[in-house]
C-alpha atoms as a PDB file:
ATOM      1  CA  UNK A   1       1.081 -10.890   0.821  1.00  0.00           C
ATOM      2  CA  UNK A   2       0.023 -11.860   4.560  1.00  0.00           C
ATOM      3  CA  UNK A   3      -3.120 -10.677   5.811  1.00  0.00           C
ATOM      4  CA  UNK A   4      -1.720  -8.236   7.461  1.00  0.00           C
ATOM      5  CA  UNK A   5      -0.647  -6.458   4.912  1.00  0.00           C
ATOM      6  CA  UNK A   6      -3.804  -5.647   3.747  1.00  0.00           C
ATOM      7  CA  UNK A   7      -4.975  -2.019   2.772  1.00  0.00           C
ATOM      8  CA  UNK A   8      -7.078  -0.483   5.084  1.00  0.00           C
ATOM      9  CA  UNK A   9      -8.497   2.330   2.750  1.00  0.00           C
ATOM     10  CA  UNK A  10      -8.692   2.657  -1.803  1.00  0.00           C
ATOM     11  CA  UNK A  11      -5.733   4.920  -2.831  1.00  0.00           C
ATOM     12  CA  UNK A  12      -8.267   6.917  -5.271  1.00  0.00           C
ATOM     13  CA  UNK A  13     -11.568   7.816  -3.036  1.00  0.00           C
ATOM     14  CA  UNK A  14      -9.998   6.645   0.460  1.00  0.00           C
ATOM     15  CA  UNK A  15     -13.705   4.508   1.191  1.00  0.00           C
ATOM     16  CA  UNK A  16     -12.624   1.302   3.537  1.00  0.00           C
ATOM     17  CA  UNK A  17     -14.770  -1.366   1.424  1.00  0.00           C
ATOM     18  CA  UNK A  18     -12.371  -2.717  -0.111  1.00  0.00           C
ATOM     19  CA  UNK A  19     -12.241  -7.006  -1.256  1.00  0.00           C
ATOM     20  CA  UNK A  20      -9.528  -8.903  -2.196  1.00  0.00           C
ATOM     21  CA  UNK A  21      -9.897  -9.128  -5.943  1.00  0.00           C
ATOM     22  CA  UNK A  22      -9.862 -12.535  -7.758  1.00  0.00           C
ATOM     23  CA  UNK A  23      -7.144 -10.930 -10.339  1.00  0.00           C
ATOM     24  CA  UNK A  24      -4.610 -12.966  -7.998  1.00  0.00           C
ATOM     25  CA  UNK A  25      -1.804 -11.859  -6.018  1.00  0.00           C
ATOM     26  CA  UNK A  26      -2.170  -8.610  -4.299  1.00  0.00           C
ATOM     27  CA  UNK A  27      -5.452  -7.666  -5.755  1.00  0.00           C
ATOM     28  CA  UNK A  28      -8.311  -5.158  -4.373  1.00  0.00           C
ATOM     29  CA  UNK A  29     -10.799  -3.808  -5.344  1.00  0.00           C
ATOM     30  CA  UNK A  30     -12.987  -0.785  -4.209  1.00  0.00           C
ATOM     31  CA  UNK A  31     -16.703  -1.126  -3.968  1.00  0.00           C
ATOM     32  CA  UNK A  32     -17.226   2.513  -3.461  1.00  0.00           C
ATOM     33  CA  UNK A  33     -15.503   3.775  -6.706  1.00  0.00           C
ATOM     34  CA  UNK A  34     -15.217   0.766  -8.522  1.00  0.00           C
ATOM     35  CA  UNK A  35     -12.081   0.304  -9.119  1.00  0.00           C
ATOM     36  CA  UNK A  36      -8.826  -2.435  -8.919  1.00  0.00           C
ATOM     37  CA  UNK A  37      -5.659  -1.998  -7.526  1.00  0.00           C
ATOM     38  CA  UNK A  38      -2.629  -4.051  -6.734  1.00  0.00           C
ATOM     39  CA  UNK A  39      -0.439  -3.438  -3.986  1.00  0.00           C
ATOM     40  CA  UNK A  40       3.034  -4.651  -4.928  1.00  0.00           C
ATOM     41  CA  UNK A  41       6.015  -5.253  -1.929  1.00  0.00           C
ATOM     42  CA  UNK A  42       9.247  -3.393  -3.322  1.00  0.00           C
ATOM     43  CA  UNK A  43      11.998  -4.500  -1.074  1.00  0.00           C
ATOM     44  CA  UNK A  44      14.028  -2.807   1.813  1.00  0.00           C
ATOM     45  CA  UNK A  45      15.503   0.413   1.830  1.00  0.00           C
ATOM     46  CA  UNK A  46      20.001   0.047   2.502  1.00  0.00           C
ATOM     47  CA  UNK A  47      20.402   1.743   6.201  1.00  0.00           C
ATOM     48  CA  UNK A  48      22.092   4.892   5.110  1.00  0.00           C
ATOM     49  CA  UNK A  49      18.870   6.214   3.081  1.00  0.00           C
ATOM     50  CA  UNK A  50      17.482   7.019   6.370  1.00  0.00           C
ATOM     51  CA  UNK A  51      16.361  11.035   7.435  1.00  0.00           C
ATOM     52  CA  UNK A  52      16.266  12.794  10.727  1.00  0.00           C
ATOM     53  CA  UNK A  53      13.116  15.002  11.240  1.00  0.00           C
ATOM     54  CA  UNK A  54      15.343  17.414  12.039  1.00  0.00           C
ATOM     55  CA  UNK A  55      16.683  18.816   8.666  1.00  0.00           C
ATOM     56  CA  UNK A  56      16.044  16.561   6.557  1.00  0.00           C
ATOM     57  CA  UNK A  57      19.753  15.289   6.249  1.00  0.00           C
ATOM     58  CA  UNK A  58      21.008  11.571   5.436  1.00  0.00           C
ATOM     59  CA  UNK A  59      22.310  10.099   8.948  1.00  0.00           C
END
């Protein structure tokens, strides 16, 4: 994971006091709620799975 993919806030408490964890790649620690979490890129979506804003229909 690159620097630009760093989270802006904790997914549990919403605080912004995050630090990289020593647990490894993509792991973060929140100083506010004392939780650790990990980010993982799953992949790209297929082009046919995009939704339009008007009716929620697939394009």
